[in-house]
Each structure stands twice: as C-alpha cells, then as structure tokens.
Amino acid sequence: MLKTFRKDHTTLGLILGALGPVLGFLIFYLLKFLPHGESLGDYLHLFSSHHFLIPKVMSLSLLMNAITFFFYTQYHKDLTAKGILIVTLIYAVIILIFKL
C-alpha cells in the first residue's frame, strides 16, 4: 500500500487531490463539532440550511491538499503534485461558484 504512495503518477495525484478535501472536511467535523455532541448528520444538515458556510469549510478542507502537495514536491514527485494541483484548482473554481 505504501509503495503506491511513493509512485509519481498524475492519476495518483488526482485521486489524492480529490480525497484530501474530504478528509479535511471530516477532520474539521471531528475537531469543531464532535466535541459539542453534534452528529455527522447535523453537521451535514447545517450546510443545507446555511449555504454561505459551504465555501468557507471547503476552503479549510483544501488545506489537506496543500499539505499533500508540499509533501510530494519536497520528494520531487512532480507528476503526483501536478495532479493534486489540478484537482485543487477545480475545487477553487467550485468555491468561487458557491460564493456567487
């Protein structure tokens, strides 16, 4: 499994770039809402009733991509970093659309 993460492929970067914000979203829930006894369903319902929160939390979730991108550039895995950057830019466009 770890051998897969050591490879330098754009596809790996696209997958990591797509999963990073999801992981960041869940970490945000675990740190901010779970200690107050909020369920994951309540957390998700919050976004359906308060649309202005979506771009803010998505932006915070993208920090996982920044960390992953930094890690892969430090180890000169440029193709993987390129894939992460592509997905991050797509997320950024989606965030801008939500802000409009």
Protein backbone atom coordinates (compact mmCIF):
# COMPACT_ATOMS: atom_id res chain seq x y z
CA MET A 1 0.00 0.00 0.00
CA LEU A 2 2.74 2.48 0.93
CA LYS A 3 4.51 1.58 -2.30
CA THR A 4 1.59 3.10 -4.20
CA PHE A 5 2.07 6.47 -2.50
CA ARG A 6 5.75 6.53 -3.46
CA LYS A 7 4.99 6.42 -7.18
CA ASP A 8 5.00 9.51 -9.35
CA HIS A 9 1.80 9.48 -11.43
CA THR A 10 -0.66 12.20 -12.30
CA THR A 11 -3.53 9.77 -11.67
CA LEU A 12 -2.34 9.23 -8.10
CA GLY A 13 -2.27 12.99 -7.65
CA LEU A 14 -5.80 13.33 -9.00
CA ILE A 15 -7.05 10.68 -6.56
CA LEU A 16 -5.19 12.18 -3.59
CA GLY A 17 -6.35 15.65 -4.58
CA ALA A 18 -9.97 14.52 -4.65
CA LEU A 19 -9.77 12.63 -1.34
CA GLY A 20 -7.76 15.26 0.56
CA PRO A 21 -10.58 17.79 0.97
CA VAL A 22 -12.99 15.02 2.01
CA LEU A 23 -10.54 14.03 4.73
CA GLY A 24 -10.12 17.71 5.66
CA PHE A 25 -13.91 18.08 5.85
CA LEU A 26 -14.13 15.12 8.25
CA ILE A 27 -11.22 16.37 10.35
CA PHE A 28 -12.95 19.75 10.64
CA TYR A 29 -16.07 17.93 11.86
CA LEU A 30 -14.06 15.90 14.39
CA LEU A 31 -12.31 18.96 15.79
CA LYS A 32 -15.11 21.52 15.73
CA PHE A 33 -18.46 19.74 16.03
CA LEU A 34 -17.97 16.28 17.56
CA PRO A 35 -16.70 17.68 20.90
CA HIS A 36 -20.03 19.56 21.19
CA GLY A 37 -22.03 16.38 20.67
CA GLU A 38 -23.15 17.19 17.13
CA SER A 39 -23.75 14.19 14.87
CA LEU A 40 -22.40 13.96 11.35
CA GLY A 41 -25.98 14.24 10.08
CA ASP A 42 -26.44 17.51 11.98
CA TYR A 43 -23.14 18.75 10.56
CA LEU A 44 -24.25 17.99 7.00
CA HIS A 45 -27.71 19.48 7.61
CA LEU A 46 -26.03 22.71 8.72
CA PHE A 47 -24.71 23.18 5.18
CA SER A 48 -28.09 22.60 3.56
CA SER A 49 -29.63 25.33 5.68
CA HIS A 50 -26.66 27.76 5.65
CA HIS A 51 -25.23 27.80 2.12
CA PHE A 52 -22.78 30.59 2.94
CA LEU A 53 -20.77 28.11 5.06
CA ILE A 54 -20.02 25.79 2.16
CA PRO A 55 -17.19 27.79 0.54
CA LYS A 56 -15.64 28.58 3.91
CA VAL A 57 -15.45 24.95 5.00
CA MET A 58 -14.38 23.84 1.53
CA SER A 59 -11.52 26.35 1.68
CA LEU A 60 -10.42 24.97 5.03
CA SER A 61 -10.70 21.44 3.69
CA LEU A 62 -8.30 22.33 0.88
CA LEU A 63 -5.54 22.68 3.47
CA MET A 64 -5.16 18.91 3.25
CA ASN A 65 -4.31 19.30 -0.42
CA ALA A 66 -1.77 21.99 0.42
CA ILE A 67 -0.06 19.66 2.89
CA THR A 68 -0.11 16.76 0.43
CA PHE A 69 1.13 18.98 -2.41
CA PHE A 70 4.00 20.25 -0.25
CA PHE A 71 4.95 16.69 0.73
CA TYR A 72 5.10 15.47 -2.87
CA THR A 73 7.04 18.50 -4.11
CA GLN A 74 9.62 18.02 -1.35
CA TYR A 75 10.24 14.48 -2.59
CA HIS A 76 10.32 15.60 -6.25
CA LYS A 77 7.20 13.65 -7.24
CA ASP A 78 6.21 16.33 -9.72
CA LEU A 79 3.59 14.37 -11.65
CA THR A 80 1.71 13.49 -8.48
CA ALA A 81 1.96 17.10 -7.29
CA LYS A 82 0.63 18.21 -10.69
CA GLY A 83 -2.44 16.00 -10.24
CA ILE A 84 -3.05 17.40 -6.75
CA LEU A 85 -2.74 20.94 -8.11
CA ILE A 86 -5.21 20.26 -10.93
CA VAL A 87 -7.88 18.98 -8.52
CA THR A 88 -7.17 21.85 -6.11
CA LEU A 89 -7.78 24.36 -8.91
CA ILE A 90 -11.05 22.60 -9.78
CA TYR A 91 -12.10 22.85 -6.13
CA ALA A 92 -11.15 26.55 -6.18
CA VAL A 93 -13.44 27.15 -9.16
CA ILE A 94 -16.26 25.33 -7.36
CA ILE A 95 -15.69 27.50 -4.28
CA LEU A 96 -15.89 30.64 -6.43
CA ILE A 97 -19.15 29.43 -7.95
CA PHE A 98 -20.60 28.85 -4.47
CA LYS A 99 -19.58 32.37 -3.46
CA LEU A 100 -21.54 33.84 -6.34
